[in-house]
């Protein structure tokens, strides 16, 4: 679950500067906003996918008797 956060810590300085320019630039370009939105959307899907996968693994390890209740 902490893999997305670990990946964020390893971003390069140039990428961080690029993202900072996109967020703080007064005249935000459409291309820059699309890139930022695309990155956020993919990160969101990644977190949802891994969260649902971990829930499936947790639920599948519950004994059958507990599932019937």
Protein backbone atom coordinates (compact mmCIF):
# COMPACT_ATOMS: atom_id res chain seq x y z
CA UNK A 1 0.00 0.00 0.00
CA UNK A 2 2.95 2.34 0.54
CA UNK A 3 4.43 1.72 -2.92
CA UNK A 4 2.82 4.81 -4.50
CA UNK A 5 4.28 7.00 -1.75
CA UNK A 6 7.68 5.33 -2.10
CA UNK A 7 7.61 6.04 -5.83
CA UNK A 8 6.85 9.70 -5.18
CA UNK A 9 9.92 10.02 -2.99
CA UNK A 10 12.15 8.82 -5.82
CA UNK A 11 11.08 11.43 -8.40
CA UNK A 12 13.94 13.31 -9.96
CA UNK A 13 14.63 16.97 -9.28
CA UNK A 14 13.84 17.94 -12.89
CA UNK A 15 10.46 16.23 -12.72
CA UNK A 16 9.65 17.96 -9.42
CA UNK A 17 10.59 21.32 -10.95
CA UNK A 18 8.43 20.58 -14.00
CA UNK A 19 5.44 19.69 -11.83
CA UNK A 20 6.02 22.81 -9.71
CA UNK A 21 6.00 24.98 -12.83
CA UNK A 22 2.77 23.38 -14.03
CA UNK A 23 0.99 23.96 -10.72
CA UNK A 24 2.27 27.47 -9.95
CA UNK A 25 2.42 29.00 -13.43
CA UNK A 26 -0.16 31.78 -13.80
CA UNK A 27 -0.93 31.02 -17.42
CA UNK A 28 -1.36 27.29 -17.16
CA UNK A 29 -1.06 25.64 -20.55
CA UNK A 30 -3.67 23.13 -21.60
CA UNK A 31 -0.98 20.57 -22.35
CA UNK A 32 0.55 20.98 -18.88
CA UNK A 33 -2.83 20.61 -17.20
CA UNK A 34 -3.58 17.51 -19.27
CA UNK A 35 -0.28 15.94 -18.22
CA UNK A 36 -0.94 16.71 -14.55
CA UNK A 37 -4.53 15.41 -14.76
CA UNK A 38 -3.37 12.25 -16.52
CA UNK A 39 -0.75 11.58 -13.83
CA UNK A 40 -3.25 12.12 -11.03
CA UNK A 41 -5.84 9.92 -12.76
CA UNK A 42 -3.36 7.06 -13.22
CA UNK A 43 -2.20 7.36 -9.61
CA UNK A 44 -5.85 7.26 -8.48
CA UNK A 45 -6.54 4.12 -10.53
CA UNK A 46 -3.36 2.51 -9.18
CA UNK A 47 -4.41 3.13 -5.57
CA UNK A 48 -7.99 1.90 -6.17
CA UNK A 49 -6.73 -1.24 -7.93
CA UNK A 50 -4.29 -2.14 -5.17
CA UNK A 51 -6.82 -1.36 -2.45
CA UNK A 52 -9.43 -3.63 -4.05
CA UNK A 53 -6.83 -6.37 -4.58
CA UNK A 54 -5.80 -6.23 -0.93
CA UNK A 55 -9.45 -6.43 0.12
CA UNK A 56 -9.96 -9.50 -2.06
CA UNK A 57 -6.93 -11.17 -0.52
CA UNK A 58 -8.17 -10.34 2.99
CA UNK A 59 -11.69 -11.62 2.29
CA UNK A 60 -10.47 -14.81 0.63
CA UNK A 61 -8.47 -15.75 3.72
CA UNK A 62 -11.60 -15.68 5.94
CA UNK A 63 -12.87 -19.20 6.75
CA UNK A 64 -16.02 -20.34 4.96
CA UNK A 65 -18.01 -20.56 8.22
CA UNK A 66 -17.47 -16.86 8.87
CA UNK A 67 -18.60 -15.97 5.34
CA UNK A 68 -21.96 -17.73 5.80
CA UNK A 69 -22.92 -15.67 8.85
